[in-house]
C-alpha atoms as a PDB file:
ATOM      1  CA  MET A   1     141.632 117.125  81.032  1.00  0.00           C
ATOM      2  CA  PRO A   2     140.338 113.901  79.236  1.00  0.00           C
ATOM      3  CA  MET A   3     142.047 112.054  76.376  1.00  0.00           C
ATOM      4  CA  ILE A   4     140.726 110.604  73.786  1.00  0.00           C
ATOM      5  CA  ARG A   5     141.432 107.860  72.123  1.00  0.00           C
ATOM      6  CA  ILE A   6     141.140 108.127  67.789  1.00  0.00           C
ATOM      7  CA  ARG A   7     138.230 105.946  67.516  1.00  0.00           C
ATOM      8  CA  ASP A   8     136.079 107.983  69.936  1.00  0.00           C
ATOM      9  CA  ALA A   9     137.317 111.311  68.597  1.00  0.00           C
ATOM     10  CA  ALA A  10     136.458 109.989  65.096  1.00  0.00           C
ATOM     11  CA  GLU A  11     132.907 109.069  65.943  1.00  0.00           C
ATOM     12  CA  LEU A  12     132.463 112.362  67.852  1.00  0.00           C
ATOM     13  CA  LEU A  13     133.614 114.290  64.498  1.00  0.00           C
ATOM     14  CA  GLY A  14     131.572 111.608  62.600  1.00  0.00           C
ATOM     15  CA  VAL A  15     134.872 110.921  59.998  1.00  0.00           C
ATOM     16  CA  SER A  16     136.763 107.733  59.826  1.00  0.00           C
ATOM     17  CA  ASP A  17     139.546 106.429  62.187  1.00  0.00           C
ATOM     18  CA  ASP A  18     142.124 106.555  59.159  1.00  0.00           C
ATOM     19  CA  THR A  19     140.807 110.619  58.433  1.00  0.00           C
ATOM     20  CA  VAL A  20     141.638 111.361  62.189  1.00  0.00           C
ATOM     21  CA  ARG A  21     144.890 109.251  61.820  1.00  0.00           C
ATOM     22  CA  ARG A  22     145.339 111.483  58.383  1.00  0.00           C
ATOM     23  CA  TRP A  23     145.161 114.606  60.587  1.00  0.00           C
ATOM     24  CA  ILE A  24     147.891 113.786  63.030  1.00  0.00           C
ATOM     25  CA  ASP A  25     150.272 112.677  60.767  1.00  0.00           C
ATOM     26  CA  ASN A  26     150.215 115.600  58.539  1.00  0.00           C
ATOM     27  CA  GLY A  27     150.065 118.063  61.965  1.00  0.00           C
ATOM     28  CA  THR A  28     146.461 119.368  62.003  1.00  0.00           C
ATOM     29  CA  LEU A  29     145.657 117.887  65.136  1.00  0.00           C
ATOM     30  CA  ALA A  30     147.638 117.166  67.816  1.00  0.00           C
ATOM     31  CA  ALA A  31     148.222 113.755  69.341  1.00  0.00           C
ATOM     32  CA  ASP A  32     149.852 112.303  72.688  1.00  0.00           C
ATOM     33  CA  LYS A  33     150.817 108.489  73.804  1.00  0.00           C
ATOM     34  CA  ASP A  34     148.434 107.104  76.923  1.00  0.00           C
ATOM     35  CA  ASP A  35     150.308 105.031  79.262  1.00  0.00           C
ATOM     36  CA  ALA A  36     150.109 101.844  76.850  1.00  0.00           C
ATOM     37  CA  GLY A  37     151.514 103.682  73.663  1.00  0.00           C
ATOM     38  CA  ARG A  38     148.099 104.350  72.144  1.00  0.00           C
ATOM     39  CA  LYS A  39     147.611 107.762  70.384  1.00  0.00           C
ATOM     40  CA  VAL A  40     145.098 109.972  72.239  1.00  0.00           C
ATOM     41  CA  ILE A  41     144.047 113.280  71.582  1.00  0.00           C
ATOM     42  CA  ASP A  42     143.384 116.062  74.521  1.00  0.00           C
ATOM     43  CA  GLY A  43     139.977 116.478  74.788  1.00  0.00           C
ATOM     44  CA  LYS A  44     140.380 120.745  75.245  1.00  0.00           C
ATOM     45  CA  LEU A  45     142.307 120.674  71.695  1.00  0.00           C
ATOM     46  CA  LEU A  46     139.678 118.419  70.396  1.00  0.00           C
ATOM     47  CA  ALA A  47     137.086 120.089  71.419  1.00  0.00           C
ATOM     48  CA  GLU A  48     139.022 123.584  69.585  1.00  0.00           C
ATOM     49  CA  PHE A  49     139.246 121.430  66.667  1.00  0.00           C
ATOM     50  CA  ALA A  50     135.419 120.520  66.287  1.00  0.00           C
ATOM     51  CA  ARG A  51     134.673 124.084  66.606  1.00  0.00           C
ATOM     52  CA  ASN A  52     136.946 125.631  63.989  1.00  0.00           C
ATOM     53  CA  ASN A  53     136.219 122.947  61.794  1.00  0.00           C
ATOM     54  CA  ALA A  54     132.480 121.831  62.210  1.00  0.00           C
ATOM     55  CA  GLU A  55     130.691 122.038  58.741  1.00  0.00           C
ATOM     56  CA  PRO A  56     127.665 124.500  58.477  1.00  0.00           C
ATOM     57  CA  VAL A  57     124.355 122.665  59.407  1.00  0.00           C
ATOM     58  CA  PRO A  58     123.372 121.062  55.716  1.00  0.00           C
ATOM     59  CA  ALA A  59     120.616 123.237  54.272  1.00  0.00           C
ATOM     60  CA  ASP A  60     116.949 122.103  54.639  1.00  0.00           C
ATOM     61  CA  PRO A  61     116.562 119.331  51.787  1.00  0.00           C
ATOM     62  CA  LEU A  62     113.111 119.797  50.389  1.00  0.00           C
ATOM     63  CA  GLY A  63     111.496 116.849  49.293  1.00  0.00           C
ATOM     64  CA  VAL A  64     113.425 114.393  51.495  1.00  0.00           C
ATOM     65  CA  GLY A  65     111.918 112.882  54.737  1.00  0.00           C
ATOM     66  CA  SER A  66     113.213 114.022  58.018  1.00  0.00           C
ATOM     67  CA  SER A  67     112.489 113.472  61.876  1.00  0.00           C
ATOM     68  CA  ALA A  68     114.829 114.585  64.640  1.00  0.00           C
ATOM     69  CA  ARG A  69     116.598 112.248  67.191  1.00  0.00           C
ATOM     70  CA  ASN A  70     116.333 113.317  70.455  1.00  0.00           C
ATOM     71  CA  ARG A  71     119.949 112.164  72.112  1.00  0.00           C
ATOM     72  CA  PHE A  72     122.820 113.902  70.649  1.00  0.00           C
ATOM     73  CA  VAL A  73     126.391 112.667  71.712  1.00  0.00           C
ATOM     74  CA  GLY A  74     128.889 115.434  71.498  1.00  0.00           C
ATOM     75  CA  LEU A  75     132.082 117.041  72.808  1.00  0.00           C
ATOM     76  CA  VAL A  76     131.569 120.456  75.142  1.00  0.00           C
ATOM     77  CA  THR A  77     133.467 122.796  73.494  1.00  0.00           C
ATOM     78  CA  LYS A  78     132.392 125.970  75.025  1.00  0.00           C
ATOM     79  CA  VAL A  79     131.342 126.665  78.992  1.00  0.00           C
ATOM     80  CA  ILE A  80     130.159 130.045  79.588  1.00  0.00           C
ATOM     81  CA  SER A  81     129.046 130.728  83.520  1.00  0.00           C
ATOM     82  CA  ASP A  82     128.305 133.306  86.311  1.00  0.00           C
ATOM     83  CA  LYS A  83     127.541 132.487  89.404  1.00  0.00           C
ATOM     84  CA  VAL A  84     123.900 130.971  89.186  1.00  0.00           C
ATOM     85  CA  MET A  85     123.884 130.328  85.505  1.00  0.00           C
ATOM     86  CA  SER A  86     126.005 128.262  82.846  1.00  0.00           C
ATOM     87  CA  GLN A  87     125.503 128.624  78.430  1.00  0.00           C
ATOM     88  CA  VAL A  88     127.009 125.046  77.502  1.00  0.00           C
ATOM     89  CA  GLU A  89     127.814 124.455  73.622  1.00  0.00           C
ATOM     90  CA  LEU A  90     128.180 120.942  72.682  1.00  0.00           C
ATOM     91  CA  GLN A  91     129.499 120.114  68.921  1.00  0.00           C
ATOM     92  CA  CYS A  92     127.509 117.132  68.356  1.00  0.00           C
ATOM     93  CA  GLY A  93     128.506 115.929  64.386  1.00  0.00           C
ATOM     94  CA  PRO A  94     127.776 118.759  62.485  1.00  0.00           C
ATOM     95  CA  PHE A  95     125.143 120.529  64.716  1.00  0.00           C
ATOM     96  CA  THR A  96     125.984 122.568  67.771  1.00  0.00           C
ATOM     97  CA  VAL A  97     123.619 122.357  71.092  1.00  0.00           C
ATOM     98  CA  VAL A  98     123.460 124.955  73.452  1.00  0.00           C
ATOM     99  CA  SER A  99     122.011 124.413  76.644  1.00  0.00           C
ATOM    100  CA  LEU A 100     121.137 126.907  79.411  1.00  0.00           C
ATOM    101  CA  MET A 101     121.387 124.983  83.089  1.00  0.00           C
ATOM    102  CA  SER A 102     122.398 125.869  86.537  1.00  0.00           C
ATOM    103  CA  THR A 103     126.284 126.524  87.401  1.00  0.00           C
ATOM    104  CA  GLU A 104     125.929 124.250  90.283  1.00  0.00           C
ATOM    105  CA  ALA A 105     124.813 121.568  87.763  1.00  0.00           C
ATOM    106  CA  VAL A 106     128.140 122.301  85.234  1.00  0.00           C
ATOM    107  CA  GLN A 107     129.833 121.853  88.643  1.00  0.00           C
ATOM    108  CA  GLU A 108     128.465 118.373  89.334  1.00  0.00           C
ATOM    109  CA  LEU A 109     128.771 117.140  86.206  1.00  0.00           C
ATOM    110  CA  LYS A 110     132.114 118.511  85.815  1.00  0.00           C
ATOM    111  CA  LEU A 111     131.141 120.112  82.080  1.00  0.00           C
ATOM    112  CA  GLU A 112     134.287 121.915  80.870  1.00  0.00           C
ATOM    113  CA  PRO A 113     135.743 121.702  77.148  1.00  0.00           C
ATOM    114  CA  GLY A 114     136.803 118.178  75.800  1.00  0.00           C
ATOM    115  CA  SER A 115     134.274 117.096  78.281  1.00  0.00           C
ATOM    116  CA  ILE A 116     131.973 114.188  76.548  1.00  0.00           C
ATOM    117  CA  ALA A 117     128.322 114.677  77.123  1.00  0.00           C
ATOM    118  CA  VAL A 118     124.802 113.839  75.545  1.00  0.00           C
ATOM    119  CA  ALA A 119     122.633 116.239  74.930  1.00  0.00           C
ATOM    120  CA  VAL A 120     118.810 115.268  75.497  1.00  0.00           C
ATOM    121  CA  VAL A 121     116.038 116.995  74.225  1.00  0.00           C
ATOM    122  CA  LYS A 122     112.419 116.567  75.073  1.00  0.00           C
ATOM    123  CA  ALA A 123     109.769 118.635  73.672  1.00  0.00           C
ATOM    124  CA  THR A 124     106.125 118.858  73.327  1.00  0.00           C
ATOM    125  CA  THR A 125     105.599 119.615  69.834  1.00  0.00           C
ATOM    126  CA  VAL A 126     107.509 116.890  67.399  1.00  0.00           C
ATOM    127  CA  ILE A 127     107.368 117.974  63.588  1.00  0.00           C
ATOM    128  CA  VAL A 128     107.718 115.011  61.241  1.00  0.00           C
ATOM    129  CA  GLU A 129     108.195 115.616  57.381  1.00  0.00           C
ATOM    130  CA  THR A 130     107.736 113.808  54.712  1.00  0.00           C
ATOM    131  CA  PRO A 131     107.895 114.516  51.012  1.00  0.00           C
ATOM    132  CA  GLY A 132     105.003 115.586  48.896  1.00  0.00           C
ATOM    133  CA  GLY A 133     101.448 117.174  49.630  1.00  0.00           C
ATOM    134  CA  THR A 134      99.359 113.958  49.916  1.00  0.00           C
ATOM    135  CA  SER A 135      97.276 113.819  52.991  1.00  0.00           C
END
């Protein structure tokens, strides 16, 4: 199982290193020590923590410009597989990204809860919004 350093866990969760350390100190998040004596978090536990503590996706903030990004770094939180196909869920900051792929690809990429992965989204239609009704 992957062991994740505090700095990396903080980045994946969208919080500061200090916040992760406080969660560890108050028992909200469990940590171990690696061979060098640094605190690390079991990837599977971090995946469960991310899933249980993810903030809901913010509502569409009308009046604010936005454009989606195409790469989402995240933590695999769930993998459901049958013989041919798999569903892989990633927690990417406050966003959950779901991908359907072959079970063979899941096995080749060694995707499991606690793995770090990047969801790359390619769409033929991208909508860019700006405030107001200017044309």
